[in-house]
Amino acid sequence: MPDIGVSPSVVPYGADQTIYLVVDCIGAGRASRETETERSDLDGLIADLLAGQFGAPVRVIAFNTLEHWRKDISKEVAEEIRMLCDIEGTSVPEHLDDFVERQTTRASQLALWA
């Protein structure tokens, strides 16, 4: 039986690939779910977000298994979603509205302080 108090390594070892982790708000708490290994590309992740595969995303974290880096890419993903919706002439899907608004507003507010 696994030890509940032990967290997995932040960046796993393995082949050179970037993996995306979506922190999805489920009910009263937060849970994180990885994208499928076969769909670890950013375009696939954004398509999954737009298709409603994640109900209420909070953050998107990227990490590379060979170079051992991690980065919060929530702002970049939110901006890409907004841009794709603008190109298509549609509004941001309701399930992503809070995520996109929170990430792009926070980035704008931080830019004002710089």
PDB file of N, CA and C in Angstrom:
ATOM      1  N   MET A   1       0.842  -1.170   0.000  1.00  0.00           N
ATOM      2  CA  MET A   1       0.000   0.000   0.000  1.00  0.00           C
ATOM      3  C   MET A   1       0.890   1.236   0.000  1.00  0.00           C
ATOM      4  N   PRO A   2       0.638   2.216  -0.918  1.00  0.00           N
ATOM      5  CA  PRO A   2       1.494   3.382  -1.007  1.00  0.00           C
ATOM      6  C   PRO A   2       1.366   4.274   0.214  1.00  0.00           C
ATOM      7  N   ASP A   3       2.461   4.953   0.541  1.00  0.00           N
ATOM      8  CA  ASP A   3       2.478   5.883   1.654  1.00  0.00           C
ATOM      9  C   ASP A   3       1.794   7.169   1.211  1.00  0.00           C
ATOM     10  N   ILE A   4       0.722   7.554   1.860  1.00  0.00           N
ATOM     11  CA  ILE A   4      -0.060   8.720   1.472  1.00  0.00           C
ATOM     12  C   ILE A   4       0.728  10.005   1.665  1.00  0.00           C
ATOM     13  N   GLY A   5       1.649  10.063   2.619  1.00  0.00           N
ATOM     14  CA  GLY A   5       2.393  11.272   2.897  1.00  0.00           C
ATOM     15  C   GLY A   5       3.540  11.549   1.949  1.00  0.00           C
ATOM     16  N   VAL A   6       3.830  10.647   1.028  1.00  0.00           N
ATOM     17  CA  VAL A   6       4.953  10.819   0.112  1.00  0.00           C
ATOM     18  C   VAL A   6       4.444  11.398  -1.201  1.00  0.00           C
ATOM     19  N   SER A   7       5.047  12.524  -1.614  1.00  0.00           N
ATOM     20  CA  SER A   7       4.685  13.146  -2.886  1.00  0.00           C
ATOM     21  C   SER A   7       5.583  12.616  -3.984  1.00  0.00           C
ATOM     22  N   PRO A   8       5.061  12.512  -5.202  1.00  0.00           N
ATOM     23  CA  PRO A   8       5.913  12.094  -6.301  1.00  0.00           C
ATOM     24  C   PRO A   8       6.938  13.177  -6.599  1.00  0.00           C
ATOM     25  N   SER A   9       8.028  12.792  -7.245  1.00  0.00           N
ATOM     26  CA  SER A   9       9.044  13.745  -7.655  1.00  0.00           C
ATOM     27  C   SER A   9       8.402  14.826  -8.513  1.00  0.00           C
ATOM     28  N   VAL A  10       8.858  16.056  -8.371  1.00  0.00           N
ATOM     29  CA  VAL A  10       8.282  17.158  -9.128  1.00  0.00           C
ATOM     30  C   VAL A  10       8.468  16.953 -10.621  1.00  0.00           C
ATOM     31  N   VAL A  11       9.655  16.532 -11.033  1.00  0.00           N
ATOM     32  CA  VAL A  11       9.933  16.292 -12.446  1.00  0.00           C
ATOM     33  C   VAL A  11      10.451  14.872 -12.589  1.00  0.00           C
ATOM     34  N   PRO A  12       9.686  13.982 -13.208  1.00  0.00           N
ATOM     35  CA  PRO A  12      10.129  12.597 -13.335  1.00  0.00           C
ATOM     36  C   PRO A  12      11.267  12.451 -14.333  1.00  0.00           C
ATOM     37  N   TYR A  13      12.053  11.397 -14.163  1.00  0.00           N
ATOM     38  CA  TYR A  13      13.110  11.085 -15.116  1.00  0.00           C
ATOM     39  C   TYR A  13      12.498  10.288 -16.256  1.00  0.00           C
ATOM     40  N   GLY A  14      13.060  10.408 -17.421  1.00  0.00           N
ATOM     41  CA  GLY A  14      12.559   9.637 -18.551  1.00  0.00           C
ATOM     42  C   GLY A  14      13.045  10.211 -19.856  1.00  0.00           C
ATOM     43  N   ALA A  15      12.419   9.815 -20.931  1.00  0.00           N
ATOM     44  CA  ALA A  15      12.766  10.310 -22.250  1.00  0.00           C
ATOM     45  C   ALA A  15      12.511  11.811 -22.303  1.00  0.00           C
ATOM     46  N   ASP A  16      13.149  12.478 -23.247  1.00  0.00           N
ATOM     47  CA  ASP A  16      13.011  13.928 -23.383  1.00  0.00           C
ATOM     48  C   ASP A  16      11.612  14.254 -23.900  1.00  0.00           C
ATOM     49  N   GLN A  17      10.748  14.656 -23.013  1.00  0.00           N
ATOM     50  CA  GLN A  17       9.422  15.089 -23.410  1.00  0.00           C
ATOM     51  C   GLN A  17       8.907  16.085 -22.393  1.00  0.00           C
ATOM     52  N   THR A  18       8.044  16.974 -22.862  1.00  0.00           N
ATOM     53  CA  THR A  18       7.399  17.926 -21.978  1.00  0.00           C
ATOM     54  C   THR A  18       6.007  17.394 -21.702  1.00  0.00           C
ATOM     55  N   ILE A  19       5.659  17.344 -20.435  1.00  0.00           N
ATOM     56  CA  ILE A  19       4.364  16.835 -20.002  1.00  0.00           C
ATOM     57  C   ILE A  19       3.604  17.982 -19.354  1.00  0.00           C
ATOM     58  N   TYR A  20       2.304  18.011 -19.568  1.00  0.00           N
ATOM     59  CA  TYR A  20       1.469  19.082 -19.049  1.00  0.00           C
ATOM     60  C   TYR A  20       0.538  18.535 -17.983  1.00  0.00           C
ATOM     61  N   LEU A  21       0.462  19.244 -16.895  1.00  0.00           N
ATOM     62  CA  LEU A  21      -0.389  18.871 -15.777  1.00  0.00           C
ATOM     63  C   LEU A  21      -1.428  19.965 -15.604  1.00  0.00           C
ATOM     64  N   VAL A  22      -2.690  19.585 -15.590  1.00  0.00           N
ATOM     65  CA  VAL A  22      -3.772  20.541 -15.395  1.00  0.00           C
ATOM     66  C   VAL A  22      -4.306  20.362 -13.985  1.00  0.00           C
ATOM     67  N   VAL A  23      -4.314  21.448 -13.222  1.00  0.00           N
ATOM     68  CA  VAL A  23      -4.936  21.422 -11.900  1.00  0.00           C
ATOM     69  C   VAL A  23      -6.383  21.811 -12.132  1.00  0.00           C
ATOM     70  N   ASP A  24      -7.272  20.871 -11.876  1.00  0.00           N
ATOM     71  CA  ASP A  24      -8.692  21.018 -12.168  1.00  0.00           C
ATOM     72  C   ASP A  24      -9.452  21.066 -10.850  1.00  0.00           C
ATOM     73  N   CYS A  25     -10.302  22.050 -10.686  1.00  0.00           N
ATOM     74  CA  CYS A  25     -11.107  22.174  -9.474  1.00  0.00           C
ATOM     75  C   CYS A  25     -12.301  21.230  -9.591  1.00  0.00           C
ATOM     76  N   ILE A  26     -12.371  20.299  -8.674  1.00  0.00           N
ATOM     77  CA  ILE A  26     -13.464  19.318  -8.690  1.00  0.00           C
ATOM     78  C   ILE A  26     -14.220  19.452  -7.375  1.00  0.00           C
ATOM     79  N   GLY A  27     -15.453  19.888  -7.459  1.00  0.00           N
ATOM     80  CA  GLY A  27     -16.257  20.034  -6.245  1.00  0.00           C
ATOM     81  C   GLY A  27     -15.696  21.106  -5.328  1.00  0.00           C
ATOM     82  N   ALA A  28     -15.592  20.792  -4.042  1.00  0.00           N
ATOM     83  CA  ALA A  28     -15.139  21.756  -3.050  1.00  0.00           C
ATOM     84  C   ALA A  28     -13.625  21.864  -2.988  1.00  0.00           C
ATOM     85  N   GLY A  29     -12.901  20.910  -3.564  1.00  0.00           N
ATOM     86  CA  GLY A  29     -11.443  20.916  -3.476  1.00  0.00           C
ATOM     87  C   GLY A  29     -10.796  20.985  -4.834  1.00  0.00           C
ATOM     88  N   ARG A  30      -9.484  20.785  -4.841  1.00  0.00           N
ATOM     89  CA  ARG A  30      -8.735  20.788  -6.094  1.00  0.00           C
ATOM     90  C   ARG A  30      -8.142  19.413  -6.318  1.00  0.00           C
ATOM     91  N   ALA A  31      -8.070  19.033  -7.550  1.00  0.00           N
ATOM     92  CA  ALA A  31      -7.423  17.774  -7.924  1.00  0.00           C
ATOM     93  C   ALA A  31      -6.613  18.036  -9.176  1.00  0.00           C
ATOM     94  N   SER A  32      -5.531  17.321  -9.352  1.00  0.00           N
ATOM     95  CA  SER A  32      -4.755  17.501 -10.570  1.00  0.00           C
ATOM     96  C   SER A  32      -4.839  16.234 -11.401  1.00  0.00           C
ATOM     97  N   ARG A  33      -4.913  16.441 -12.708  1.00  0.00           N
ATOM     98  CA  ARG A  33      -4.971  15.325 -13.633  1.00  0.00           C
ATOM     99  C   ARG A  33      -3.987  15.609 -14.745  1.00  0.00           C
ATOM    100  N   GLU A  34      -3.231  14.612 -15.129  1.00  0.00           N
ATOM    101  CA  GLU A  34      -2.314  14.767 -16.254  1.00  0.00           C
ATOM    102  C   GLU A  34      -3.082  14.546 -17.545  1.00  0.00           C
ATOM    103  N   THR A  35      -2.573  15.157 -18.613  1.00  0.00           N
ATOM    104  CA  THR A  35      -3.119  14.814 -19.916  1.00  0.00           C
ATOM    105  C   THR A  35      -2.628  13.411 -20.239  1.00  0.00           C
ATOM    106  N   GLU A  36      -3.261  12.752 -21.184  1.00  0.00           N
ATOM    107  CA  GLU A  36      -2.823  11.424 -21.579  1.00  0.00           C
ATOM    108  C   GLU A  36      -1.397  11.517 -22.104  1.00  0.00           C
ATOM    109  N   THR A  37      -0.583  10.515 -21.836  1.00  0.00           N
ATOM    110  CA  THR A  37       0.808  10.525 -22.273  1.00  0.00           C
ATOM    111  C   THR A  37       0.913  10.714 -23.784  1.00  0.00           C
ATOM    112  N   GLU A  38       0.031  10.075 -24.549  1.00  0.00           N
ATOM    113  CA  GLU A  38       0.080  10.193 -26.006  1.00  0.00           C
ATOM    114  C   GLU A  38      -0.281  11.600 -26.473  1.00  0.00           C
ATOM    115  N   ARG A  39      -0.929  12.345 -25.648  1.00  0.00           N
ATOM    116  CA  ARG A  39      -1.395  13.685 -26.005  1.00  0.00           C
ATOM    117  C   ARG A  39      -0.685  14.737 -25.176  1.00  0.00           C
ATOM    118  N   SER A  40       0.619  14.595 -25.037  1.00  0.00           N
ATOM    119  CA  SER A  40       1.355  15.506 -24.175  1.00  0.00           C
ATOM    120  C   SER A  40       1.817  16.774 -24.900  1.00  0.00           C
ATOM    121  N   ASP A  41       1.292  17.032 -26.105  1.00  0.00           N
ATOM    122  CA  ASP A  41       1.659  18.261 -26.797  1.00  0.00           C
ATOM    123  C   ASP A  41       0.726  19.398 -26.378  1.00  0.00           C
ATOM    124  N   LEU A  42       1.214  20.611 -26.472  1.00  0.00           N
ATOM    125  CA  LEU A  42       0.454  21.767 -26.017  1.00  0.00           C
ATOM    126  C   LEU A  42      -0.821  21.968 -26.832  1.00  0.00           C
ATOM    127  N   ASP A  43      -0.756  21.765 -28.137  1.00  0.00           N
ATOM    128  CA  ASP A  43      -1.952  21.917 -28.972  1.00  0.00           C
ATOM    129  C   ASP A  43      -3.036  20.926 -28.555  1.00  0.00           C
ATOM    130  N   GLY A  44      -2.634  19.687 -28.257  1.00  0.00           N
ATOM    131  CA  GLY A  44      -3.593  18.680 -27.792  1.00  0.00           C
ATOM    132  C   GLY A  44      -4.215  19.060 -26.459  1.00  0.00           C
ATOM    133  N   LEU A  45      -3.397  19.608 -25.571  1.00  0.00           N
ATOM    134  CA  LEU A  45      -3.893  20.049 -24.269  1.00  0.00           C
ATOM    135  C   LEU A  45      -4.932  21.158 -24.433  1.00  0.00           C
ATOM    136  N   ILE A  46      -4.617  22.138 -25.273  1.00  0.00           N
ATOM    137  CA  ILE A  46      -5.551  23.250 -25.489  1.00  0.00           C
ATOM    138  C   ILE A  46      -6.840  22.741 -26.132  1.00  0.00           C
ATOM    139  N   ALA A  47      -6.733  21.809 -27.076  1.00  0.00           N
ATOM    140  CA  ALA A  47      -7.930  21.216 -27.682  1.00  0.00           C
ATOM    141  C   ALA A  47      -8.767  20.497 -26.626  1.00  0.00           C
ATOM    142  N   ASP A  48      -8.101  19.771 -25.707  1.00  0.00           N
ATOM    143  CA  ASP A  48      -8.820  19.090 -24.625  1.00  0.00           C
ATOM    144  C   ASP A  48      -9.517  20.089 -23.718  1.00  0.00           C
ATOM    145  N   LEU A  49      -8.850  21.190 -23.403  1.00  0.00           N
ATOM    146  CA  LEU A  49      -9.471  22.226 -22.566  1.00  0.00           C
ATOM    147  C   LEU A  49     -10.701  22.796 -23.259  1.00  0.00           C
ATOM    148  N   LEU A  50     -10.575  23.143 -24.532  1.00  0.00           N
ATOM    149  CA  LEU A  50     -11.703  23.713 -25.274  1.00  0.00           C
ATOM    150  C   LEU A  50     -12.855  22.720 -25.421  1.00  0.00           C
ATOM    151  N   ALA A  51     -12.522  21.433 -25.509  1.00  0.00           N
ATOM    152  CA  ALA A  51     -13.550  20.398 -25.667  1.00  0.00           C
ATOM    153  C   ALA A  51     -14.254  20.060 -24.350  1.00  0.00           C
ATOM    154  N   GLY A  52     -13.779  20.623 -23.254  1.00  0.00           N
ATOM    155  CA  GLY A  52     -14.442  20.372 -21.969  1.00  0.00           C
ATOM    156  C   GLY A  52     -13.915  19.166 -21.222  1.00  0.00           C
ATOM    157  N   GLN A  53     -12.720  18.680 -21.564  1.00  0.00           N
ATOM    158  CA  GLN A  53     -12.143  17.538 -20.859  1.00  0.00           C
ATOM    159  C   GLN A  53     -11.823  17.875 -19.406  1.00  0.00           C
ATOM    160  N   PHE A  54     -11.654  19.161 -19.118  1.00  0.00           N
ATOM    161  CA  PHE A  54     -11.398  19.630 -17.761  1.00  0.00           C
ATOM    162  C   PHE A  54     -12.514  20.615 -17.426  1.00  0.00           C
ATOM    163  N   GLY A  55     -13.164  20.381 -16.282  1.00  0.00           N
ATOM    164  CA  GLY A  55     -14.346  21.163 -15.939  1.00  0.00           C
ATOM    165  C   GLY A  55     -14.086  22.575 -15.471  1.00  0.00           C
ATOM    166  N   ALA A  56     -13.072  22.762 -14.634  1.00  0.00           N
ATOM    167  CA  ALA A  56     -12.776  24.084 -14.077  1.00  0.00           C
ATOM    168  C   ALA A  56     -11.275  24.192 -13.814  1.00  0.00           C
ATOM    169  N   PRO A  57     -10.483  24.329 -14.873  1.00  0.00           N
ATOM    170  CA  PRO A  57      -9.031  24.375 -14.678  1.00  0.00           C
ATOM    171  C   PRO A  57      -8.610  25.579 -13.847  1.00  0.00           C
ATOM    172  N   VAL A  58      -7.586  25.357 -13.027  1.00  0.00           N
ATOM    173  CA  VAL A  58      -7.066  26.410 -12.165  1.00  0.00           C
ATOM    174  C   VAL A  58      -5.677  26.829 -12.631  1.00  0.00           C
ATOM    175  N   ARG A  59      -4.848  25.851 -12.976  1.00  0.00           N
ATOM    176  CA  ARG A  59      -3.479  26.094 -13.425  1.00  0.00           C
ATOM    177  C   ARG A  59      -3.068  25.050 -14.441  1.00  0.00           C
ATOM    178  N   VAL A  60      -2.051  25.399 -15.231  1.00  0.00           N
ATOM    179  CA  VAL A  60      -1.439  24.444 -16.143  1.00  0.00           C
ATOM    180  C   VAL A  60       0.070  24.524 -15.903  1.00  0.00           C
ATOM    181  N   ILE A  61       0.656  23.383 -15.585  1.00  0.00           N
ATOM    182  CA  ILE A  61       2.079  23.300 -15.307  1.00  0.00           C
ATOM    183  C   ILE A  61       2.729  22.422 -16.375  1.00  0.00           C
ATOM    184  N   ALA A  62       3.855  22.884 -16.918  1.00  0.00           N
ATOM    185  CA  ALA A  62       4.636  22.094 -17.876  1.00  0.00           C
ATOM    186  C   ALA A  62       5.917  21.661 -17.186  1.00  0.00           C
ATOM    187  N   PHE A  63       6.330  20.427 -17.453  1.00  0.00           N
ATOM    188  CA  PHE A  63       7.637  19.997 -16.968  1.00  0.00           C
ATOM    189  C   PHE A  63       8.289  19.082 -17.986  1.00  0.00           C
ATOM    190  N   ASN A  64       9.623  19.165 -18.039  1.00  0.00           N
ATOM    191  CA  ASN A  64      10.385  18.381 -19.001  1.00  0.00           C
ATOM    192  C   ASN A  64      11.112  17.267 -18.268  1.00  0.00           C
ATOM    193  N   THR A  65      10.988  16.063 -18.790  1.00  0.00           N
ATOM    194  CA  THR A  65      11.516  14.885 -18.105  1.00  0.00           C
ATOM    195  C   THR A  65      13.018  14.710 -18.249  1.00  0.00           C
ATOM    196  N   LEU A  66      13.628  15.292 -19.261  1.00  0.00           N
ATOM    197  CA  LEU A  66      15.075  15.162 -19.447  1.00  0.00           C
ATOM    198  C   LEU A  66      15.823  16.351 -18.855  1.00  0.00           C
ATOM    199  N   GLU A  67      15.317  17.547 -19.121  1.00  0.00           N
ATOM    200  CA  GLU A  67      15.988  18.760 -18.662  1.00  0.00           C
ATOM    201  C   GLU A  67      15.646  19.119 -17.217  1.00  0.00           C
ATOM    202  N   HIS A  68      14.637  18.487 -16.664  1.00  0.00           N
ATOM    203  CA  HIS A  68      14.228  18.654 -15.262  1.00  0.00           C
ATOM    204  C   HIS A  68      13.848  20.087 -14.903  1.00  0.00           C
ATOM    205  N   TRP A  69      13.000  20.698 -15.730  1.00  0.00           N
ATOM    206  CA  TRP A  69      12.485  22.011 -15.408  1.00  0.00           C
ATOM    207  C   TRP A  69      10.969  21.941 -15.313  1.00  0.00           C
ATOM    208  N   ARG A  70      10.409  22.925 -14.641  1.00  0.00           N
ATOM    209  CA  ARG A  70       8.952  23.048 -14.579  1.00  0.00           C
ATOM    210  C   ARG A  70       8.591  24.517 -14.677  1.00  0.00           C
ATOM    211  N   LYS A  71       7.413  24.795 -15.197  1.00  0.00           N
ATOM    212  CA  LYS A  71       6.984  26.177 -15.382  1.00  0.00           C
ATOM    213  C   LYS A  71       5.467  26.239 -15.352  1.00  0.00           C
ATOM    214  N   ASP A  72       4.944  27.241 -14.687  1.00  0.00           N
ATOM    215  CA  ASP A  72       3.510  27.506 -14.703  1.00  0.00           C
ATOM    216  C   ASP A  72       3.216  28.233 -16.015  1.00  0.00           C
ATOM    217  N   ILE A  73       2.480  27.590 -16.904  1.00  0.00           N
ATOM    218  CA  ILE A  73       2.184  28.175 -18.212  1.00  0.00           C
ATOM    219  C   ILE A  73       0.707  28.569 -18.320  1.00  0.00           C
ATOM    220  N   SER A  74       0.065  28.763 -17.188  1.00  0.00           N
ATOM    221  CA  SER A  74      -1.360  29.098 -17.173  1.00  0.00           C
ATOM    222  C   SER A  74      -1.665  30.341 -17.992  1.00  0.00           C
ATOM    223  N   LYS A  75      -0.875  31.390 -17.836  1.00  0.00           N
ATOM    224  CA  LYS A  75      -1.098  32.644 -18.558  1.00  0.00           C
ATOM    225  C   LYS A  75      -1.004  32.424 -20.064  1.00  0.00           C
ATOM    226  N   GLU A  76       0.025  31.702 -20.510  1.00  0.00           N
ATOM    227  CA  GLU A  76       0.211  31.456 -21.937  1.00  0.00           C
ATOM    228  C   GLU A  76      -0.938  30.644 -22.515  1.00  0.00           C
ATOM    229  N   VAL A  77      -1.402  29.640 -21.763  1.00  0.00           N
ATOM    230  CA  VAL A  77      -2.520  28.808 -22.220  1.00  0.00           C
ATOM    231  C   VAL A  77      -3.794  29.644 -22.293  1.00  0.00           C
ATOM    232  N   ALA A  78      -4.042  30.465 -21.283  1.00  0.00           N
ATOM    233  CA  ALA A  78      -5.239  31.320 -21.276  1.00  0.00           C
ATOM    234  C   ALA A  78      -5.225  32.293 -22.452  1.00  0.00           C
ATOM    235  N   GLU A  79      -4.067  32.884 -22.720  1.00  0.00           N
ATOM    236  CA  GLU A  79      -3.956  33.806 -23.853  1.00  0.00           C
ATOM    237  C   GLU A  79      -4.189  33.092 -25.174  1.00  0.00           C
ATOM    238  N   GLU A  80      -3.683  31.868 -25.300  1.00  0.00           N
ATOM    239  CA  GLU A  80      -3.880  31.083 -26.524  1.00  0.00           C
ATOM    240  C   GLU A  80      -5.362  30.734 -26.711  1.00  0.00           C
ATOM    241  N   ILE A  81      -6.033  30.362 -25.632  1.00  0.00           N
ATOM    242  CA  ILE A  81      -7.468  30.056 -25.705  1.00  0.00           C
ATOM    243  C   ILE A  81      -8.243  31.289 -26.144  1.00  0.00           C
ATOM    244  N   ARG A  82      -7.938  32.428 -25.540  1.00  0.00           N
ATOM    245  CA  ARG A  82      -8.631  33.671 -25.909  1.00  0.00           C
ATOM    246  C   ARG A  82      -8.372  34.012 -27.372  1.00  0.00           C
ATOM    247  N   MET A  83      -7.123  33.866 -27.835  1.00  0.00           N
ATOM    248  CA  MET A  83      -6.789  34.178 -29.219  1.00  0.00           C
ATOM    249  C   MET A  83      -7.528  33.249 -30.188  1.00  0.00           C
ATOM    250  N   LEU A  84      -7.550  31.941 -29.892  1.00  0.00           N
ATOM    251  CA  LEU A  84      -8.260  30.994 -30.756  1.00  0.00           C
ATOM    252  C   LEU A  84      -9.748  31.313 -30.835  1.00  0.00           C
ATOM    253  N   CYS A  85     -10.343  31.666 -29.717  1.00  0.00           N
ATOM    254  CA  CYS A  85     -11.766  32.024 -29.709  1.00  0.00           C
ATOM    255  C   CYS A  85     -12.006  33.309 -30.500  1.00  0.00           C
ATOM    256  N   ASP A  86     -11.096  34.291 -30.382  1.00  0.00           N
ATOM    257  CA  ASP A  86     -11.225  35.525 -31.158  1.00  0.00           C
ATOM    258  C   ASP A  86     -11.129  35.245 -32.651  1.00  0.00           C
ATOM    259  N   ILE A  87     -10.191  34.386 -33.049  1.00  0.00           N
ATOM    260  CA  ILE A  87     -10.033  34.035 -34.465  1.00  0.00           C
ATOM    261  C   ILE A  87     -11.297  33.370 -34.998  1.00  0.00           C
ATOM    262  N   GLU A  88     -11.877  32.465 -34.182  1.00  0.00           N
ATOM    263  CA  GLU A  88     -13.087  31.753 -34.588  1.00  0.00           C
ATOM    264  C   GLU A  88     -14.341  32.624 -34.477  1.00  0.00           C
ATOM    265  N   GLY A  89     -14.232  33.766 -33.819  1.00  0.00           N
ATOM    266  CA  GLY A  89     -15.388  34.643 -33.634  1.00  0.00           C
ATOM    267  C   GLY A  89     -16.376  34.107 -32.615  1.00  0.00           C
ATOM    268  N   THR A  90     -15.871  33.325 -31.659  1.00  0.00           N
ATOM    269  CA  THR A  90     -16.728  32.761 -30.617  1.00  0.00           C
ATOM    270  C   THR A  90     -16.269  33.268 -29.258  1.00  0.00           C
ATOM    271  N   SER A  91     -17.138  33.137 -28.289  1.00  0.00           N
ATOM    272  CA  SER A  91     -16.745  33.522 -26.935  1.00  0.00           C
ATOM    273  C   SER A  91     -16.012  32.357 -26.277  1.00  0.00           C
ATOM    274  N   VAL A  92     -15.251  32.672 -25.241  1.00  0.00           N
ATOM    275  CA  VAL A  92     -14.545  31.641 -24.484  1.00  0.00           C
ATOM    276  C   VAL A  92     -15.601  30.730 -23.869  1.00  0.00           C
ATOM    277  N   PRO A  93     -15.450  29.403 -23.974  1.00  0.00           N
ATOM    278  CA  PRO A  93     -16.431  28.492 -23.378  1.00  0.00           C
ATOM    279  C   PRO A  93     -16.632  28.782 -21.887  1.00  0.00           C
ATOM    280  N   GLU A  94     -17.842  28.607 -21.449  1.00  0.00           N
ATOM    281  CA  GLU A  94     -18.207  28.930 -20.066  1.00  0.00           C
ATOM    282  C   GLU A  94     -17.321  28.227 -19.040  1.00  0.00           C
ATOM    283  N   HIS A  95     -16.966  26.958 -19.281  1.00  0.00           N
ATOM    284  CA  HIS A  95     -16.154  26.208 -18.321  1.00  0.00           C
ATOM    285  C   HIS A  95     -14.722  26.735 -18.237  1.00  0.00           C
ATOM    286  N   LEU A  96     -14.296  27.558 -19.217  1.00  0.00           N
ATOM    287  CA  LEU A  96     -12.946  28.122 -19.207  1.00  0.00           C
ATOM    288  C   LEU A  96     -12.933  29.616 -18.900  1.00  0.00           C
ATOM    289  N   ASP A  97     -14.110  30.204 -18.816  1.00  0.00           N
ATOM    290  CA  ASP A  97     -14.221  31.647 -18.648  1.00  0.00           C
ATOM    291  C   ASP A  97     -13.473  32.156 -17.409  1.00  0.00           C
ATOM    292  N   ASP A  98     -13.685  31.523 -16.258  1.00  0.00           N
ATOM    293  CA  ASP A  98     -13.008  31.957 -15.023  1.00  0.00           C
ATOM    294  C   ASP A  98     -11.492  31.804 -15.149  1.00  0.00           C
ATOM    295  N   PHE A  99     -11.046  30.679 -15.692  1.00  0.00           N
ATOM    296  CA  PHE A  99      -9.609  30.426 -15.860  1.00  0.00           C
ATOM    297  C   PHE A  99      -8.970  31.497 -16.738  1.00  0.00           C
ATOM    298  N   VAL A 100      -9.552  31.755 -17.889  1.00  0.00           N
ATOM    299  CA  VAL A 100      -8.990  32.727 -18.830  1.00  0.00           C
ATOM    300  C   VAL A 100      -9.015  34.125 -18.216  1.00  0.00           C
ATOM    301  N   GLU A 101     -10.119  34.484 -17.613  1.00  0.00           N
ATOM    302  CA  GLU A 101     -10.244  35.809 -17.005  1.00  0.00           C
ATOM    303  C   GLU A 101      -9.244  35.998 -15.870  1.00  0.00           C
ATOM    304  N   ARG A 102      -9.146  35.015 -15.005  1.00  0.00           N
ATOM    305  CA  ARG A 102      -8.231  35.094 -13.851  1.00  0.00           C
ATOM    306  C   ARG A 102      -6.774  35.200 -14.315  1.00  0.00           C
ATOM    307  N   GLN A 103      -6.387  34.384 -15.284  1.00  0.00           N
ATOM    308  CA  GLN A 103      -4.996  34.370 -15.738  1.00  0.00           C
ATOM    309  C   GLN A 103      -4.630  35.632 -16.520  1.00  0.00           C
ATOM    310  N   THR A 104      -5.504  36.100 -17.385  1.00  0.00           N
ATOM    311  CA  THR A 104      -5.175  37.272 -18.189  1.00  0.00           C
ATOM    312  C   THR A 104      -5.325  38.557 -17.376  1.00  0.00           C
ATOM    313  N   THR A 105      -6.256  38.616 -16.455  1.00  0.00           N
ATOM    314  CA  THR A 105      -6.412  39.794 -15.601  1.00  0.00           C
ATOM    315  C   THR A 105      -5.232  39.920 -14.658  1.00  0.00           C
ATOM    316  N   ARG A 106      -4.815  38.813 -14.052  1.00  0.00           N
ATOM    317  CA  ARG A 106      -3.679  38.827 -13.135  1.00  0.00           C
ATOM    318  C   ARG A 106      -2.427  39.294 -13.865  1.00  0.00           C
ATOM    319  N   ALA A 107      -2.235  38.828 -15.084  1.00  0.00           N
ATOM    320  CA  ALA A 107      -1.063  39.226 -15.860  1.00  0.00           C
ATOM    321  C   ALA A 107      -1.114  40.721 -16.168  1.00  0.00           C
ATOM    322  N   SER A 108      -2.299  41.241 -16.484  1.00  0.00           N
ATOM    323  CA  SER A 108      -2.444  42.671 -16.772  1.00  0.00           C
ATOM    324  C   SER A 108      -2.176  43.502 -15.529  1.00  0.00           C
ATOM    325  N   GLN A 109      -2.684  43.043 -14.385  1.00  0.00           N
ATOM    326  CA  GLN A 109      -2.463  43.773 -13.143  1.00  0.00           C
ATOM    327  C   GLN A 109      -0.992  43.793 -12.763  1.00  0.00           C
ATOM    328  N   LEU A 110      -0.300  42.667 -12.944  1.00  0.00           N
ATOM    329  CA  LEU A 110       1.133  42.618 -12.634  1.00  0.00           C
ATOM    330  C   LEU A 110       1.921  43.535 -13.564  1.00  0.00           C
ATOM    331  N   ALA A 111       1.516  43.648 -14.819  1.00  0.00           N
ATOM    332  CA  ALA A 111       2.208  44.502 -15.769  1.00  0.00           C
ATOM    333  C   ALA A 111       2.075  45.976 -15.379  1.00  0.00           C
ATOM    334  N   LEU A 112       0.943  46.343 -14.792  1.00  0.00           N
ATOM    335  CA  LEU A 112       0.746  47.716 -14.352  1.00  0.00           C
ATOM    336  C   LEU A 112       1.707  48.086 -13.214  1.00  0.00           C
ATOM    337  N   TRP A 113       2.066  47.130 -12.381  1.00  0.00           N
ATOM    338  CA  TRP A 113       2.945  47.387 -11.254  1.00  0.00           C
ATOM    339  C   TRP A 113       4.410  47.405 -11.656  1.00  0.00           C
ATOM    340  N   ALA A 114       4.723  46.893 -12.826  1.00  0.00           N
ATOM    341  CA  ALA A 114       6.127  46.806 -13.265  1.00  0.00           C
ATOM    342  C   ALA A 114       6.672  48.137 -13.710  1.00  0.00           C
TER     343      ALA A 114
END
